[in-house]
Amino acid sequence: MRKNRGRAALACISFLFLAAPAFPRPNSTQLYREASVRALSGDIDGAIAGFIGVIETNPHYALGHYGLGKAYLYKEGKLEEAMRHLRRSVECDRRLAKGYFYLGMACMLARKYEQALHAFGASYEYDRGTVEALYNMAVIYDLMGVDFKARRLYEQYVSEWNKKESNIIF
């Protein structure tokens, strides 16, 4: 009996040693940070390649899709891809306010105003600090000719902005 336990333990150790990767796999969070640094430095193409790597590492990582969608907003002709990845980001994390905000931006640029209103509304609902979503909603209602809603949202934006500004401590 004791002899069999030793062989089983040795077999498990051998299997674990053989199954372990020679090099650690890239971490999607670290890859996201690296791609974000590229984006912030103006290297949008490098950032896009980095965010694609994030998604290849973890297809369910909301920030990877968010970063890629936002980077695509800076590339001409990539608006549909931007919307696709920004939608995917909020599917992966239903409370990702910044994902909704940039989805709203992409939809607004594509003149999909109803979708943009929904996205901006969700952004503000999940993060009351995104008061810019209120302003963008007011602009969309103005473009749609719904003056009453545009005026009400603009007034709400100004009020929320003033509250936000008064909370800043120097």
C-alpha atoms as a PDB file:
ATOM      1  CA  MET A   1       0.000   0.000   0.000  1.00  0.00           C
ATOM      2  CA  ARG A   2       2.728   2.466   0.970  1.00  0.00           C
ATOM      3  CA  LYS A   3       4.616   1.638  -2.239  1.00  0.00           C
ATOM      4  CA  ASN A   4       1.599   2.554  -4.396  1.00  0.00           C
ATOM      5  CA  ARG A   5       1.168   5.925  -2.649  1.00  0.00           C
ATOM      6  CA  GLY A   6       4.758   6.811  -3.444  1.00  0.00           C
ATOM      7  CA  ARG A   7       4.323   5.936  -7.107  1.00  0.00           C
ATOM      8  CA  ALA A   8       1.066   7.937  -7.328  1.00  0.00           C
ATOM      9  CA  ALA A   9       2.671  10.986  -5.724  1.00  0.00           C
ATOM     10  CA  LEU A  10       5.645  10.710  -8.069  1.00  0.00           C
ATOM     11  CA  ALA A  11       3.308  10.452 -11.060  1.00  0.00           C
ATOM     12  CA  CYS A  12       1.415  13.591  -9.946  1.00  0.00           C
ATOM     13  CA  ILE A  13       4.618  15.550  -9.459  1.00  0.00           C
ATOM     14  CA  SER A  14       5.929  14.431 -12.848  1.00  0.00           C
ATOM     15  CA  PHE A  15       2.674  15.420 -14.538  1.00  0.00           C
ATOM     16  CA  LEU A  16       2.652  18.865 -12.897  1.00  0.00           C
ATOM     17  CA  PHE A  17       6.265  19.477 -13.899  1.00  0.00           C
ATOM     18  CA  LEU A  18       5.607  18.493 -17.510  1.00  0.00           C
ATOM     19  CA  ALA A  19       2.347  20.472 -17.724  1.00  0.00           C
ATOM     20  CA  ALA A  20       3.799  23.690 -16.316  1.00  0.00           C
ATOM     21  CA  PRO A  21       4.634  26.245 -19.008  1.00  0.00           C
ATOM     22  CA  ALA A  22       8.304  27.064 -19.502  1.00  0.00           C
ATOM     23  CA  PHE A  23       7.535  30.801 -19.404  1.00  0.00           C
ATOM     24  CA  PRO A  24       4.698  32.517 -17.581  1.00  0.00           C
ATOM     25  CA  ARG A  25       1.748  33.483 -19.760  1.00  0.00           C
ATOM     26  CA  PRO A  26       1.199  37.187 -20.248  1.00  0.00           C
ATOM     27  CA  ASN A  27      -1.192  38.722 -17.777  1.00  0.00           C
ATOM     28  CA  SER A  28      -4.138  40.506 -19.428  1.00  0.00           C
ATOM     29  CA  THR A  29      -4.067  43.292 -16.830  1.00  0.00           C
ATOM     30  CA  GLN A  30      -0.380  43.974 -17.455  1.00  0.00           C
ATOM     31  CA  LEU A  31      -0.913  43.861 -21.229  1.00  0.00           C
ATOM     32  CA  TYR A  32      -3.802  46.316 -20.829  1.00  0.00           C
ATOM     33  CA  ARG A  33      -1.592  48.728 -18.876  1.00  0.00           C
ATOM     34  CA  GLU A  34       1.134  48.543 -21.521  1.00  0.00           C
ATOM     35  CA  ALA A  35      -1.353  49.173 -24.345  1.00  0.00           C
ATOM     36  CA  SER A  36      -2.861  52.082 -22.382  1.00  0.00           C
ATOM     37  CA  VAL A  37       0.576  53.686 -22.035  1.00  0.00           C
ATOM     38  CA  ARG A  38       1.013  53.404 -25.805  1.00  0.00           C
ATOM     39  CA  ALA A  39      -2.375  55.046 -26.368  1.00  0.00           C
ATOM     40  CA  LEU A  40      -1.628  57.873 -23.964  1.00  0.00           C
ATOM     41  CA  SER A  41       1.698  58.524 -25.680  1.00  0.00           C
ATOM     42  CA  GLY A  42      -0.078  58.842 -29.042  1.00  0.00           C
ATOM     43  CA  ASP A  43       0.932  55.457 -30.476  1.00  0.00           C
ATOM     44  CA  ILE A  44      -2.602  54.435 -31.450  1.00  0.00           C
ATOM     45  CA  ASP A  45      -1.476  51.671 -33.825  1.00  0.00           C
ATOM     46  CA  GLY A  46       0.740  50.198 -31.119  1.00  0.00           C
ATOM     47  CA  ALA A  47      -2.102  50.497 -28.618  1.00  0.00           C
ATOM     48  CA  ILE A  48      -4.485  48.714 -30.974  1.00  0.00           C
ATOM     49  CA  ALA A  49      -2.006  45.867 -31.392  1.00  0.00           C
ATOM     50  CA  GLY A  50      -1.608  45.740 -27.609  1.00  0.00           C
ATOM     51  CA  PHE A  51      -5.349  45.670 -26.935  1.00  0.00           C
ATOM     52  CA  ILE A  52      -5.777  42.921 -29.515  1.00  0.00           C
ATOM     53  CA  GLY A  53      -3.159  40.977 -27.550  1.00  0.00           C
ATOM     54  CA  VAL A  54      -5.154  41.569 -24.360  1.00  0.00           C
ATOM     55  CA  ILE A  55      -8.295  40.156 -25.962  1.00  0.00           C
ATOM     56  CA  GLU A  56      -6.391  37.177 -27.368  1.00  0.00           C
ATOM     57  CA  THR A  57      -5.111  36.468 -23.855  1.00  0.00           C
ATOM     58  CA  ASN A  58      -8.542  36.877 -22.255  1.00  0.00           C
ATOM     59  CA  PRO A  59     -11.537  37.347 -24.592  1.00  0.00           C
ATOM     60  CA  HIS A  60     -13.784  38.130 -21.611  1.00  0.00           C
ATOM     61  CA  TYR A  61     -11.679  40.973 -20.187  1.00  0.00           C
ATOM     62  CA  ALA A  62     -13.938  44.029 -20.351  1.00  0.00           C
ATOM     63  CA  LEU A  63     -11.099  46.554 -20.239  1.00  0.00           C
ATOM     64  CA  GLY A  64      -9.399  44.921 -23.226  1.00  0.00           C
ATOM     65  CA  HIS A  65     -12.485  45.460 -25.366  1.00  0.00           C
ATOM     66  CA  TYR A  66     -12.954  48.937 -23.889  1.00  0.00           C
ATOM     67  CA  GLY A  67      -9.394  49.956 -24.731  1.00  0.00           C
ATOM     68  CA  LEU A  68      -9.594  48.551 -28.246  1.00  0.00           C
ATOM     69  CA  GLY A  69     -12.951  50.203 -28.905  1.00  0.00           C
ATOM     70  CA  LYS A  70     -11.740  53.544 -27.619  1.00  0.00           C
ATOM     71  CA  ALA A  71      -8.523  53.294 -29.686  1.00  0.00           C
ATOM     72  CA  TYR A  72     -10.575  52.526 -32.805  1.00  0.00           C
ATOM     73  CA  LEU A  73     -12.423  55.818 -32.274  1.00  0.00           C
ATOM     74  CA  TYR A  74      -9.159  57.548 -33.218  1.00  0.00           C
ATOM     75  CA  LYS A  75      -8.839  55.648 -36.513  1.00  0.00           C
ATOM     76  CA  GLU A  76     -10.747  56.717 -39.577  1.00  0.00           C
ATOM     77  CA  GLY A  77     -13.083  54.035 -40.885  1.00  0.00           C
ATOM     78  CA  LYS A  78     -13.066  52.007 -37.644  1.00  0.00           C
ATOM     79  CA  LEU A  79     -16.307  53.298 -36.115  1.00  0.00           C
ATOM     80  CA  GLU A  80     -18.185  49.988 -36.508  1.00  0.00           C
ATOM     81  CA  GLU A  81     -15.300  48.081 -34.888  1.00  0.00           C
ATOM     82  CA  ALA A  82     -15.228  50.651 -32.084  1.00  0.00           C
ATOM     83  CA  MET A  83     -18.923  50.149 -31.403  1.00  0.00           C
ATOM     84  CA  ARG A  84     -18.561  46.359 -31.538  1.00  0.00           C
ATOM     85  CA  HIS A  85     -15.768  46.287 -28.956  1.00  0.00           C
ATOM     86  CA  LEU A  86     -17.346  48.916 -26.719  1.00  0.00           C
ATOM     87  CA  ARG A  87     -20.592  46.910 -26.724  1.00  0.00           C
ATOM     88  CA  ARG A  88     -18.587  43.821 -25.855  1.00  0.00           C
ATOM     89  CA  SER A  89     -16.907  45.679 -22.979  1.00  0.00           C
ATOM     90  CA  VAL A  90     -20.251  46.437 -21.335  1.00  0.00           C
ATOM     91  CA  GLU A  91     -21.464  42.900 -21.991  1.00  0.00           C
ATOM     92  CA  CYS A  92     -18.434  41.634 -20.066  1.00  0.00           C
ATOM     93  CA  ASP A  93     -18.928  44.186 -17.263  1.00  0.00           C
ATOM     94  CA  ARG A  94     -22.488  45.511 -17.090  1.00  0.00           C
ATOM     95  CA  ARG A  95     -21.447  48.334 -14.736  1.00  0.00           C
ATOM     96  CA  LEU A  96     -18.479  49.665 -16.748  1.00  0.00           C
ATOM     97  CA  ALA A  97     -19.544  53.316 -16.864  1.00  0.00           C
ATOM     98  CA  LYS A  98     -16.638  54.444 -19.043  1.00  0.00           C
ATOM     99  CA  GLY A  99     -17.451  51.664 -21.506  1.00  0.00           C
ATOM    100  CA  TYR A 100     -20.998  52.955 -21.796  1.00  0.00           C
ATOM    101  CA  PHE A 101     -19.744  56.527 -22.125  1.00  0.00           C
ATOM    102  CA  TYR A 102     -17.495  55.767 -25.094  1.00  0.00           C
ATOM    103  CA  LEU A 103     -20.132  53.491 -26.610  1.00  0.00           C
ATOM    104  CA  GLY A 104     -22.376  56.545 -26.468  1.00  0.00           C
ATOM    105  CA  MET A 105     -19.691  58.610 -28.191  1.00  0.00           C
ATOM    106  CA  ALA A 106     -19.304  56.008 -30.950  1.00  0.00           C
ATOM    107  CA  CYS A 107     -23.064  55.748 -31.462  1.00  0.00           C
ATOM    108  CA  MET A 108     -23.388  59.537 -31.508  1.00  0.00           C
ATOM    109  CA  LEU A 109     -20.675  59.776 -34.182  1.00  0.00           C
ATOM    110  CA  ALA A 110     -22.512  57.092 -36.176  1.00  0.00           C
ATOM    111  CA  ARG A 111     -25.742  59.112 -35.779  1.00  0.00           C
ATOM    112  CA  LYS A 112     -27.389  56.244 -33.904  1.00  0.00           C
ATOM    113  CA  TYR A 113     -28.937  58.666 -31.472  1.00  0.00           C
ATOM    114  CA  GLU A 114     -31.325  56.339 -29.614  1.00  0.00           C
ATOM    115  CA  GLN A 115     -28.483  53.912 -28.887  1.00  0.00           C
ATOM    116  CA  ALA A 116     -26.251  56.796 -27.845  1.00  0.00           C
ATOM    117  CA  LEU A 117     -28.905  58.093 -25.429  1.00  0.00           C
ATOM    118  CA  HIS A 118     -29.209  54.646 -23.857  1.00  0.00           C
ATOM    119  CA  ALA A 119     -25.432  54.297 -23.493  1.00  0.00           C
ATOM    120  CA  PHE A 120     -24.948  57.777 -22.017  1.00  0.00           C
ATOM    121  CA  GLY A 121     -27.855  57.180 -19.644  1.00  0.00           C
ATOM    122  CA  ALA A 122     -26.286  53.927 -18.426  1.00  0.00           C
ATOM    123  CA  SER A 123     -22.921  55.640 -18.000  1.00  0.00           C
ATOM    124  CA  TYR A 124     -24.433  58.316 -15.783  1.00  0.00           C
ATOM    125  CA  GLU A 125     -26.551  55.777 -13.890  1.00  0.00           C
ATOM    126  CA  TYR A 126     -23.514  53.661 -12.980  1.00  0.00           C
ATOM    127  CA  ASP A 127     -21.217  56.603 -12.261  1.00  0.00           C
ATOM    128  CA  ARG A 128     -22.780  59.927 -11.306  1.00  0.00           C
ATOM    129  CA  GLY A 129     -19.363  61.494 -11.853  1.00  0.00           C
ATOM    130  CA  THR A 130     -19.759  61.174 -15.618  1.00  0.00           C
ATOM    131  CA  VAL A 131     -21.758  64.386 -15.850  1.00  0.00           C
ATOM    132  CA  GLU A 132     -20.477  64.841 -19.400  1.00  0.00           C
ATOM    133  CA  ALA A 133     -22.942  62.093 -20.347  1.00  0.00           C
ATOM    134  CA  LEU A 134     -25.760  64.491 -19.419  1.00  0.00           C
ATOM    135  CA  TYR A 135     -24.303  67.158 -21.698  1.00  0.00           C
ATOM    136  CA  ASN A 136     -23.989  64.701 -24.580  1.00  0.00           C
ATOM    137  CA  MET A 137     -27.573  63.573 -24.061  1.00  0.00           C
ATOM    138  CA  ALA A 138     -28.675  67.227 -24.181  1.00  0.00           C
ATOM    139  CA  VAL A 139     -26.785  67.696 -27.456  1.00  0.00           C
ATOM    140  CA  ILE A 140     -28.450  64.614 -28.964  1.00  0.00           C
ATOM    141  CA  TYR A 141     -31.926  65.771 -27.940  1.00  0.00           C
ATOM    142  CA  ASP A 142     -31.097  69.165 -29.432  1.00  0.00           C
ATOM    143  CA  LEU A 143     -30.065  67.476 -32.695  1.00  0.00           C
ATOM    144  CA  MET A 144     -33.315  65.506 -32.633  1.00  0.00           C
ATOM    145  CA  GLY A 145     -35.328  68.706 -32.075  1.00  0.00           C
ATOM    146  CA  VAL A 146     -36.592  67.690 -28.624  1.00  0.00           C
ATOM    147  CA  ASP A 147     -35.955  71.074 -27.071  1.00  0.00           C
ATOM    148  CA  PHE A 148     -37.633  70.459 -23.704  1.00  0.00           C
ATOM    149  CA  LYS A 149     -35.509  67.395 -22.903  1.00  0.00           C
ATOM    150  CA  ALA A 150     -32.382  69.082 -24.248  1.00  0.00           C
ATOM    151  CA  ARG A 151     -32.915  72.111 -22.014  1.00  0.00           C
ATOM    152  CA  ARG A 152     -33.740  69.991 -18.935  1.00  0.00           C
ATOM    153  CA  LEU A 153     -30.629  67.818 -19.393  1.00  0.00           C
ATOM    154  CA  TYR A 154     -28.411  70.812 -20.017  1.00  0.00           C
ATOM    155  CA  GLU A 155     -29.662  72.429 -16.792  1.00  0.00           C
ATOM    156  CA  GLN A 156     -29.062  69.167 -14.924  1.00  0.00           C
ATOM    157  CA  TYR A 157     -25.562  69.001 -16.411  1.00  0.00           C
ATOM    158  CA  VAL A 158     -24.740  72.553 -15.260  1.00  0.00           C
ATOM    159  CA  SER A 159     -26.068  71.823 -11.781  1.00  0.00           C
ATOM    160  CA  GLU A 160     -24.124  68.551 -11.472  1.00  0.00           C
ATOM    161  CA  TRP A 161     -20.979  70.136 -12.910  1.00  0.00           C
ATOM    162  CA  ASN A 162     -21.140  72.953 -10.352  1.00  0.00           C
ATOM    163  CA  LYS A 163     -21.523  70.393  -7.533  1.00  0.00           C
ATOM    164  CA  LYS A 164     -18.568  68.446  -8.890  1.00  0.00           C
ATOM    165  CA  GLU A 165     -16.416  71.583  -9.133  1.00  0.00           C
ATOM    166  CA  SER A 166     -17.338  72.748  -5.621  1.00  0.00           C
ATOM    167  CA  ASN A 167     -16.116  69.431  -4.191  1.00  0.00           C
ATOM    168  CA  ILE A 168     -12.591  69.921  -5.508  1.00  0.00           C
ATOM    169  CA  ILE A 169     -10.196  70.733  -2.696  1.00  0.00           C
ATOM    170  CA  PHE A 170      -6.915  72.503  -3.396  1.00  0.00           C
END
